[in-house]
């Protein structure tokens, strides 16, 4: 494959089109529904496609909003975005931005400036180094020339990112994705360890050190940085800098870092079940913004459990021939076998396969969430130890429109009979 053809396939410009899934008014309505379903748990929403013509548009520039998303009464999209960021706080929600500091595109307002200053990665011979997603940027060169700081400063001036206190940097790669063609004729990308810009003299460690500088610069403004994942270089390069990964994995990572230091995110492996995995919600909102089908299930079976487990110290792991288990502080244990998944606290079962009765800790010590994916009748639950003296509980059904008071139920000797319909969620109060 000739280099010319290779580069031609990689060339990527903004096509000027936007596929709008939600405008800012619609987004606030979805945020309200999510807040109802999550019973006020603190949430962060990172907006994708807020700038120019949408997702990945015009990078490395961040300086204009996507006017297809604006409210009619506002002068421009950035004013509408400020409105959304403010209004979302009423629903226990922080709205921030999904940005990118690695990609560059030829139709960006900053393209000529970045090429002139050798910030766009170049091959040894000085030709531009294209990748699957446009052209990569050398963090070290952008930092050295002061343009990284200027970008960050400018964004913080035009939008209240400091008030949000967090930002998501997508594709924050320490080395570039190397494009390849397979025998099927299709285009693929393979991540390989190597310098971002061979034309410059920066090493991989130089680039990683600059990533730490970038995160520290955001932090100096009171803004935490999250990114996509934990990989075998980033886990050490950004350890102590990046507090959360969008995707999280690795058995030893759970043992090495407490959740208060570094956490996920979503982990679809068995260790995610055992240590706790949250949810993203992006596909649910995209596919069904009106009813949010599937949100209750993921929130109750994943995020509520993750929230509970992440507040406990991880003590040790047990492995047998047909099972795995993790022991947490406060006598909490998770158990996973081929046919069974449980979370227990002493004698109380908090999760049994797709049925949940777990403390909603963000609401204090007096509320539990009950949920069942498939439904059940007259299931007997042993309540947590601090509920032993409770004689009666109040039940409320949770939906996108809020809570519906159902009834009170008697508790006998710390035990409670419940009947739940398929995909039903209850809030139980002492």
Protein backbone atom coordinates (compact mmCIF):
# COMPACT_ATOMS: atom_id res chain seq x y z
CA UNK A 1 0.00 0.00 0.00
CA UNK A 2 1.58 3.30 -1.04
CA UNK A 3 1.94 6.08 1.51
CA UNK A 4 -0.04 8.45 -0.72
CA UNK A 5 -3.04 6.14 -0.86
CA UNK A 6 -2.65 5.41 2.82
CA UNK A 7 -2.76 9.11 3.75
CA UNK A 8 -5.65 9.75 1.39
CA UNK A 9 -7.75 7.16 3.15
CA UNK A 10 -6.93 8.74 6.48
CA UNK A 11 -7.71 12.31 5.55
CA UNK A 12 -10.67 13.55 7.54
CA UNK A 13 -12.44 16.90 7.39
CA UNK A 14 -15.60 18.13 9.02
CA UNK A 15 -18.43 17.48 6.55
CA UNK A 16 -20.55 20.26 8.01
CA UNK A 17 -23.40 17.97 9.02
CA UNK A 18 -24.77 17.19 12.48
CA UNK A 19 -26.95 14.31 13.60
CA UNK A 20 -28.77 15.78 16.58
CA UNK A 21 -30.07 13.26 19.11
CA UNK A 22 -31.06 15.87 21.71
CA UNK A 23 -31.00 19.64 21.79
CA UNK A 24 -30.35 21.45 25.07
CA UNK A 25 -34.03 21.75 26.01
CA UNK A 26 -34.56 18.04 25.42
CA UNK A 27 -31.38 17.22 27.33
CA UNK A 28 -32.69 18.93 30.46
CA UNK A 29 -35.89 16.88 30.26
CA UNK A 30 -33.84 13.68 30.07
CA UNK A 31 -31.73 14.84 33.03
CA UNK A 32 -34.94 15.34 35.03
CA UNK A 33 -36.13 11.81 34.23
CA UNK A 34 -32.75 10.31 35.08
CA UNK A 35 -32.79 12.14 38.41
CA UNK A 36 -36.18 10.61 39.21
CA UNK A 37 -35.01 7.11 38.34
CA UNK A 38 -31.77 7.49 40.30
CA UNK A 39 -33.55 9.02 43.32
CA UNK A 40 -31.30 12.04 43.41
CA UNK A 41 -27.91 10.32 43.33
CA UNK A 42 -25.16 12.83 42.36
CA UNK A 43 -24.50 12.48 38.63
CA UNK A 44 -22.09 13.78 35.99
CA UNK A 45 -23.09 14.13 32.35
CA UNK A 46 -20.38 14.83 29.77
CA UNK A 47 -21.86 16.32 26.61
CA UNK A 48 -20.66 14.87 23.30
CA UNK A 49 -20.98 17.04 20.21
CA UNK A 50 -21.45 20.37 22.00
CA UNK A 51 -19.00 22.16 19.68
CA UNK A 52 -19.05 23.27 16.01
CA UNK A 53 -20.77 20.52 13.97
CA UNK A 54 -20.73 17.80 16.60
CA UNK A 55 -18.59 14.91 17.81
CA UNK A 56 -14.86 15.44 17.03
CA UNK A 57 -15.64 18.50 14.91
CA UNK A 58 -12.86 21.07 14.29
CA UNK A 59 -10.35 19.74 16.84
CA UNK A 60 -8.04 21.08 18.25
CA UNK A 61 -10.36 24.14 18.43
CA UNK A 62 -12.95 24.30 21.21
CA UNK A 63 -14.10 27.86 20.86
CA UNK A 64 -17.61 27.72 19.37
CA UNK A 65 -20.79 25.84 20.24
CA UNK A 66 -22.98 23.69 18.04
CA UNK A 67 -25.83 26.01 17.05
CA UNK A 68 -28.06 23.08 16.08
CA UNK A 69 -28.46 22.45 19.82
CA UNK A 70 -29.33 25.98 20.98
CA UNK A 71 -32.58 27.24 22.45
CA UNK A 72 -34.53 29.69 20.24
CA UNK A 73 -34.43 32.43 22.88
CA UNK A 74 -30.63 32.41 23.24
CA UNK A 75 -28.14 34.38 21.14
CA UNK A 76 -25.95 31.35 20.50
CA UNK A 77 -25.32 27.77 21.51
CA UNK A 78 -22.80 28.63 24.23
CA UNK A 79 -25.46 30.69 26.04
CA UNK A 80 -27.83 27.72 25.86
CA UNK A 81 -25.11 25.44 27.18
CA UNK A 82 -24.49 27.74 30.14
CA UNK A 83 -28.23 27.63 30.84
CA UNK A 84 -28.20 23.83 30.78
CA UNK A 85 -25.19 23.59 33.08
CA UNK A 86 -26.97 25.84 35.59
CA UNK A 87 -30.43 24.24 35.37
CA UNK A 88 -29.07 20.68 35.68
CA UNK A 89 -27.92 21.39 39.23
CA UNK A 90 -31.58 21.38 40.29
CA UNK A 91 -31.55 17.68 39.44
CA UNK A 92 -28.39 16.68 41.36
CA UNK A 93 -26.53 16.71 38.05
CA UNK A 94 -23.24 18.21 36.98
CA UNK A 95 -23.07 18.92 33.26
CA UNK A 96 -19.58 19.17 31.77
CA UNK A 97 -17.86 18.58 28.46
CA UNK A 98 -16.48 15.70 26.42
CA UNK A 99 -13.36 17.11 24.71
CA UNK A 100 -10.25 15.83 22.98
CA UNK A 101 -6.61 16.96 23.28
CA UNK A 102 -5.07 14.42 20.88
CA UNK A 103 -6.82 14.83 17.52
CA UNK A 104 -6.46 17.50 14.86
CA UNK A 105 -8.37 17.98 11.60
CA UNK A 106 -7.44 19.94 8.53
CA UNK A 107 -10.49 22.22 8.60
CA UNK A 108 -9.90 23.32 12.19
CA UNK A 109 -9.41 27.06 12.79
CA UNK A 110 -6.15 26.13 14.54
CA UNK A 111 -4.82 23.84 11.79
CA UNK A 112 -2.34 26.22 10.13
CA UNK A 113 -1.05 27.50 13.46
CA UNK A 114 -0.50 24.00 14.82
CA UNK A 115 1.23 22.81 11.66
CA UNK A 116 3.50 25.87 11.62
CA UNK A 117 4.52 25.24 15.25
CA UNK A 118 5.16 21.49 14.69
CA UNK A 119 2.40 20.56 17.17
CA UNK A 120 0.75 18.24 14.63
CA UNK A 121 2.74 15.00 14.65
CA UNK A 122 5.20 14.52 11.81
CA UNK A 123 7.17 11.62 10.46
CA UNK A 124 10.98 11.70 10.51
CA UNK A 125 11.03 13.30 7.05
CA UNK A 126 8.74 16.13 8.18
CA UNK A 127 5.56 14.89 6.49
CA UNK A 128 2.37 14.95 8.52
CA UNK A 129 1.60 11.74 10.39
CA UNK A 130 -2.00 10.74 9.80
CA UNK A 131 -3.96 8.32 12.00
CA UNK A 132 -7.42 6.84 11.90
CA UNK A 133 -8.92 9.90 13.60
CA UNK A 134 -7.27 12.73 11.69
CA UNK A 135 -3.80 13.66 12.90
CA UNK A 136 -2.32 13.27 16.40
CA UNK A 137 -0.94 16.14 18.46
CA UNK A 138 2.32 16.05 20.40
CA UNK A 139 1.35 16.94 23.97
CA UNK A 140 4.95 17.87 24.74
CA UNK A 141 5.21 20.33 21.83
CA UNK A 142 1.81 21.89 22.50
CA UNK A 143 2.79 22.36 26.15
CA UNK A 144 6.26 23.69 25.30
CA UNK A 145 4.80 26.31 22.94
CA UNK A 146 2.11 27.30 25.44
CA UNK A 147 -0.82 26.43 23.19
CA UNK A 148 -2.17 23.73 25.51
CA UNK A 149 -2.42 26.22 28.34
CA UNK A 150 -4.07 28.76 26.00
CA UNK A 151 -6.67 26.21 24.91
CA UNK A 152 -7.53 25.32 28.50
CA UNK A 153 -7.63 28.96 29.62
CA UNK A 154 -9.90 29.91 26.73
CA UNK A 155 -12.40 27.12 27.39
CA UNK A 156 -12.59 28.04 31.08
CA UNK A 157 -13.37 31.64 30.09
CA UNK A 158 -16.20 30.89 27.69
CA UNK A 159 -17.93 28.15 29.76
CA UNK A 160 -18.30 27.52 33.54
CA UNK A 161 -16.12 24.40 33.54
CA UNK A 162 -14.57 25.49 36.85
CA UNK A 163 -17.99 25.31 38.50
CA UNK A 164 -18.52 21.85 37.04
CA UNK A 165 -15.19 20.76 38.56
CA UNK A 166 -14.65 17.96 36.05
CA UNK A 167 -13.99 17.38 32.35
CA UNK A 168 -13.69 14.28 30.19
CA UNK A 169 -10.72 14.08 27.80
CA UNK A 170 -11.53 11.49 25.16
CA UNK A 171 -8.78 9.45 23.45
CA UNK A 172 -6.06 10.71 25.81
CA UNK A 173 -3.57 8.28 24.27
CA UNK A 174 0.08 8.20 25.33
CA UNK A 175 1.10 6.93 21.89
CA UNK A 176 -0.64 7.04 18.50
CA UNK A 177 -2.95 4.46 16.95
CA UNK A 178 -1.06 3.07 13.96
CA UNK A 179 -3.38 2.50 10.99
CA UNK A 180 -3.14 -0.79 9.12
CA UNK A 181 -4.95 -2.57 6.30
CA UNK A 182 -5.95 -6.19 6.79
CA UNK A 183 -6.43 -8.87 4.14
CA UNK A 184 -10.15 -8.15 4.10
CA UNK A 185 -9.32 -4.73 2.64
CA UNK A 186 -10.83 -2.97 5.63
CA UNK A 187 -9.21 -0.22 7.58
CA UNK A 188 -8.10 -0.93 11.15
CA UNK A 189 -6.08 0.75 13.86
CA UNK A 190 -3.48 -0.90 16.06
CA UNK A 191 -2.14 0.83 19.17
CA UNK A 192 1.63 0.47 19.37
CA UNK A 193 4.18 1.87 21.77
CA UNK A 194 6.12 4.57 20.00
CA UNK A 195 6.66 8.29 20.00
CA UNK A 196 3.79 10.47 18.86
CA UNK A 197 5.88 12.70 16.60
CA UNK A 198 9.07 11.04 15.28
CA UNK A 199 10.08 14.40 13.75
CA UNK A 200 10.58 15.82 17.24
CA UNK A 201 12.96 14.54 19.91
CA UNK A 202 10.32 13.82 22.55
CA UNK A 203 10.18 10.31 24.02
CA UNK A 204 7.08 8.40 25.13
CA UNK A 205 7.92 9.37 28.71
CA UNK A 206 8.19 13.03 27.68
CA UNK A 207 4.67 12.85 26.28
CA UNK A 208 3.38 11.01 29.38
CA UNK A 209 5.03 13.58 31.66
CA UNK A 210 3.27 16.31 29.72
CA UNK A 211 -0.05 14.52 30.14
CA UNK A 212 0.56 14.74 33.88
CA UNK A 213 1.32 18.44 33.48
CA UNK A 214 -1.90 18.91 31.55
CA UNK A 215 -3.97 17.17 34.22
CA UNK A 216 -2.22 19.23 36.91
CA UNK A 217 -3.01 22.41 34.98
CA UNK A 218 -6.70 21.50 34.88
CA UNK A 219 -6.48 20.63 38.59
CA UNK A 220 -4.99 24.05 39.36
CA UNK A 221 -8.35 25.44 38.21
CA UNK A 222 -10.27 23.01 40.43
CA UNK A 223 -11.12 20.64 37.57
CA UNK A 224 -10.64 16.85 37.73
CA UNK A 225 -9.86 15.02 34.49
CA UNK A 226 -11.45 11.70 33.58
CA UNK A 227 -10.51 9.71 30.48
CA UNK A 228 -11.38 6.53 28.63
CA UNK A 229 -9.44 3.73 30.21
CA UNK A 230 -6.69 2.17 32.26
CA UNK A 231 -4.01 0.56 30.10
CA UNK A 232 -0.61 -0.91 30.80
CA UNK A 233 1.25 2.38 30.37
CA UNK A 234 -1.37 4.90 31.43
CA UNK A 235 -1.97 3.09 34.72
CA UNK A 236 1.48 4.10 35.90
CA UNK A 237 1.89 7.26 33.83
CA UNK A 238 -1.28 8.85 35.22
CA UNK A 239 -1.49 7.10 38.58
CA UNK A 240 -2.51 9.67 41.17
CA UNK A 241 -3.54 12.14 38.48
CA UNK A 242 -6.63 10.67 36.80
CA UNK A 243 -9.24 9.74 39.46
CA UNK A 244 -11.67 7.85 37.23
CA UNK A 245 -11.62 5.85 34.01
CA UNK A 246 -14.60 5.59 31.68
CA UNK A 247 -13.68 1.92 31.16
CA UNK A 248 -12.01 0.08 34.03
CA UNK A 249 -10.54 -3.40 34.15
CA UNK A 250 -7.77 -5.53 35.58
CA UNK A 251 -7.95 -7.71 38.67
CA UNK A 252 -4.73 -6.30 40.12
CA UNK A 253 -5.88 -2.72 39.61
CA UNK A 254 -8.71 -3.30 42.06
CA UNK A 255 -6.25 -4.58 44.66
CA UNK A 256 -3.62 -1.92 43.95
CA UNK A 257 -5.88 1.14 44.16
CA UNK A 258 -8.77 1.78 46.56
CA UNK A 259 -11.86 3.19 44.86
CA UNK A 260 -11.23 6.53 46.60
CA UNK A 261 -7.96 6.80 44.64
CA UNK A 262 -8.84 5.42 41.18
CA UNK A 263 -12.10 3.88 40.05
CA UNK A 264 -14.37 3.20 37.09
CA UNK A 265 -16.47 3.43 35.14
CA UNK A 266 -17.74 0.30 33.53
CA UNK A 267 -16.08 -3.10 33.77
CA UNK A 268 -17.93 -5.83 31.90
CA UNK A 269 -15.69 -8.62 33.17
CA UNK A 270 -16.46 -10.91 36.10
CA UNK A 271 -14.26 -8.69 38.28
CA UNK A 272 -16.62 -5.83 37.56
CA UNK A 273 -19.41 -7.92 39.07
CA UNK A 274 -17.30 -8.74 42.11
CA UNK A 275 -15.80 -5.31 42.80
CA UNK A 276 -18.68 -3.25 41.40
CA UNK A 277 -19.28 -1.67 38.00
CA UNK A 278 -21.30 1.44 37.21
CA UNK A 279 -23.12 2.39 34.01
CA UNK A 280 -22.69 4.94 31.22
CA UNK A 281 -26.28 5.44 30.14
CA UNK A 282 -25.27 6.93 26.78
CA UNK A 283 -26.86 4.25 24.58
CA UNK A 284 -30.04 4.19 26.66
CA UNK A 285 -30.53 7.93 26.27
CA UNK A 286 -29.66 7.78 22.57
CA UNK A 287 -32.06 4.92 21.82
CA UNK A 288 -35.00 5.87 24.07
CA UNK A 289 -34.89 9.41 25.47
CA UNK A 290 -38.65 9.35 26.16
CA UNK A 291 -38.96 6.25 28.34
CA UNK A 292 -35.28 5.38 29.09
CA UNK A 293 -35.97 1.67 28.83
CA UNK A 294 -33.19 -0.28 30.54
CA UNK A 295 -32.05 2.57 32.79
CA UNK A 296 -33.69 1.25 35.95
CA UNK A 297 -32.14 -2.17 35.40
CA UNK A 298 -28.61 -0.88 34.89
CA UNK A 299 -28.88 1.66 37.69
CA UNK A 300 -30.18 -0.83 40.27
CA UNK A 301 -28.12 -3.87 39.29
CA UNK A 302 -24.89 -1.97 38.58
CA UNK A 303 -24.58 1.62 39.81
CA UNK A 304 -26.39 1.24 43.15
CA UNK A 305 -24.27 -1.82 43.94
CA UNK A 306 -21.06 -0.10 42.73
CA UNK A 307 -21.85 2.93 44.88
CA UNK A 308 -22.28 0.70 47.93
CA UNK A 309 -19.17 -1.43 47.38
CA UNK A 310 -16.90 1.49 46.50
CA UNK A 311 -17.32 2.87 50.00
CA UNK A 312 -15.83 -0.23 51.59
CA UNK A 313 -12.21 -1.28 51.95
CA UNK A 314 -11.31 -4.32 49.82
CA UNK A 315 -9.75 -6.92 52.11
CA UNK A 316 -9.00 -10.06 50.10
CA UNK A 317 -10.07 -12.32 47.22
CA UNK A 318 -11.16 -15.94 47.48
CA UNK A 319 -11.00 -18.31 44.50
CA UNK A 320 -12.22 -21.88 44.33
CA UNK A 321 -12.64 -24.41 41.60
CA UNK A 322 -16.10 -23.12 40.67
CA UNK A 323 -16.39 -19.70 42.26
CA UNK A 324 -14.75 -16.37 43.04
CA UNK A 325 -15.47 -14.05 45.96
CA UNK A 326 -14.27 -10.71 47.29
CA UNK A 327 -14.33 -9.88 50.99
CA UNK A 328 -14.94 -6.24 51.91
CA UNK A 329 -14.91 -4.45 55.24
CA UNK A 330 -18.07 -4.39 57.40
CA UNK A 331 -18.65 -8.09 56.73
CA UNK A 332 -19.70 -7.50 53.12
CA UNK A 333 -18.89 -10.18 50.53
CA UNK A 334 -19.53 -10.62 46.81
CA UNK A 335 -19.80 -14.14 45.36
CA UNK A 336 -19.84 -15.30 41.74
CA UNK A 337 -20.19 -18.78 40.31
CA UNK A 338 -21.52 -20.13 37.04
CA UNK A 339 -25.12 -20.01 38.26
CA UNK A 340 -25.13 -17.50 41.10
CA UNK A 341 -24.22 -13.94 41.95
CA UNK A 342 -24.69 -12.56 45.45
CA UNK A 343 -23.76 -9.61 47.59
CA UNK A 344 -24.18 -10.22 51.31
CA UNK A 345 -23.68 -8.27 54.53
CA UNK A 346 -23.55 -10.80 57.33
CA UNK A 347 -26.81 -12.75 57.12
CA UNK A 348 -28.53 -10.18 54.92
CA UNK A 349 -28.58 -10.74 51.14
CA UNK A 350 -28.29 -7.41 49.34
CA UNK A 351 -28.15 -8.78 45.77
CA UNK A 352 -29.23 -12.19 44.51
CA UNK A 353 -28.75 -12.58 40.77
CA UNK A 354 -31.10 -9.94 39.28
CA UNK A 355 -32.91 -9.06 42.53
CA UNK A 356 -31.68 -6.21 44.73
CA UNK A 357 -32.42 -4.87 48.19
CA UNK A 358 -29.55 -2.54 48.97
CA UNK A 359 -29.02 0.65 51.03
CA UNK A 360 -29.36 3.90 49.06
CA UNK A 361 -26.47 5.47 50.93
CA UNK A 362 -26.63 8.86 49.18
CA UNK A 363 -30.03 9.32 50.88
CA UNK A 364 -28.73 8.49 54.35
CA UNK A 365 -29.08 5.37 56.48
CA UNK A 366 -32.87 5.04 56.43
CA UNK A 367 -33.63 4.05 52.84
CA UNK A 368 -33.28 0.93 50.72
CA UNK A 369 -33.71 0.28 47.00
CA UNK A 370 -35.59 -2.83 45.93
CA UNK A 371 -35.54 -3.94 42.31
CA UNK A 372 -36.24 -7.08 40.31
CA UNK A 373 -35.47 -7.66 36.66
CA UNK A 374 -37.89 -10.58 36.28
CA UNK A 375 -40.26 -10.03 39.22
CA UNK A 376 -41.17 -12.29 42.16
CA UNK A 377 -43.92 -12.98 44.70
CA UNK A 378 -43.61 -13.01 48.49
CA UNK A 379 -39.85 -13.16 48.62
CA UNK A 380 -38.49 -13.05 52.15
CA UNK A 381 -35.61 -10.64 52.70
CA UNK A 382 -33.44 -10.33 55.78
CA UNK A 383 -32.85 -6.63 56.33
CA UNK A 384 -29.44 -5.18 57.20
CA UNK A 385 -28.34 -5.21 60.84
CA UNK A 386 -29.18 -1.54 61.46
CA UNK A 387 -32.79 -2.23 60.41
CA UNK A 388 -33.41 -4.94 63.04
CA UNK A 389 -35.45 -2.68 65.31
CA UNK A 390 -37.66 -1.41 62.47
CA UNK A 391 -41.30 -2.49 62.81
CA UNK A 392 -42.79 -0.91 59.70
CA UNK A 393 -41.61 0.44 56.33
CA UNK A 394 -43.16 2.66 53.69
CA UNK A 395 -43.01 1.62 50.02
CA UNK A 396 -42.82 3.99 47.07
CA UNK A 397 -42.66 2.96 43.40
CA UNK A 398 -39.98 4.78 41.38
CA UNK A 399 -40.49 5.81 37.75
CA UNK A 400 -39.42 8.58 35.38
CA UNK A 401 -42.32 10.73 36.66
CA UNK A 402 -41.24 10.41 40.28
CA UNK A 403 -42.34 8.37 43.28
CA UNK A 404 -45.78 6.87 43.85
CA UNK A 405 -46.74 6.04 47.46
CA UNK A 406 -47.91 2.44 47.63
CA UNK A 407 -48.37 1.21 51.19
CA UNK A 408 -46.74 0.38 54.48
CA UNK A 409 -45.52 -3.10 55.33
CA UNK A 410 -44.81 -4.80 58.62
CA UNK A 411 -41.30 -5.99 59.44
CA UNK A 412 -41.02 -9.02 61.73
CA UNK A 413 -37.74 -9.92 63.43
CA UNK A 414 -35.76 -8.00 60.81
CA UNK A 415 -37.45 -9.81 57.91
CA UNK A 416 -39.63 -8.40 55.14
CA UNK A 417 -41.83 -10.07 52.52
CA UNK A 418 -41.87 -8.28 49.16
CA UNK A 419 -43.63 -8.80 45.83
CA UNK A 420 -42.23 -7.00 42.79
CA UNK A 421 -43.35 -6.92 39.18
CA UNK A 422 -40.93 -7.27 36.28
CA UNK A 423 -38.57 -4.26 36.09
CA UNK A 424 -40.13 -2.71 39.18
CA UNK A 425 -38.14 -0.42 41.47
CA UNK A 426 -39.19 0.53 45.00
CA UNK A 427 -37.83 2.99 47.55
CA UNK A 428 -38.22 1.57 51.06
CA UNK A 429 -38.10 3.98 54.01
CA UNK A 430 -37.98 3.24 57.73
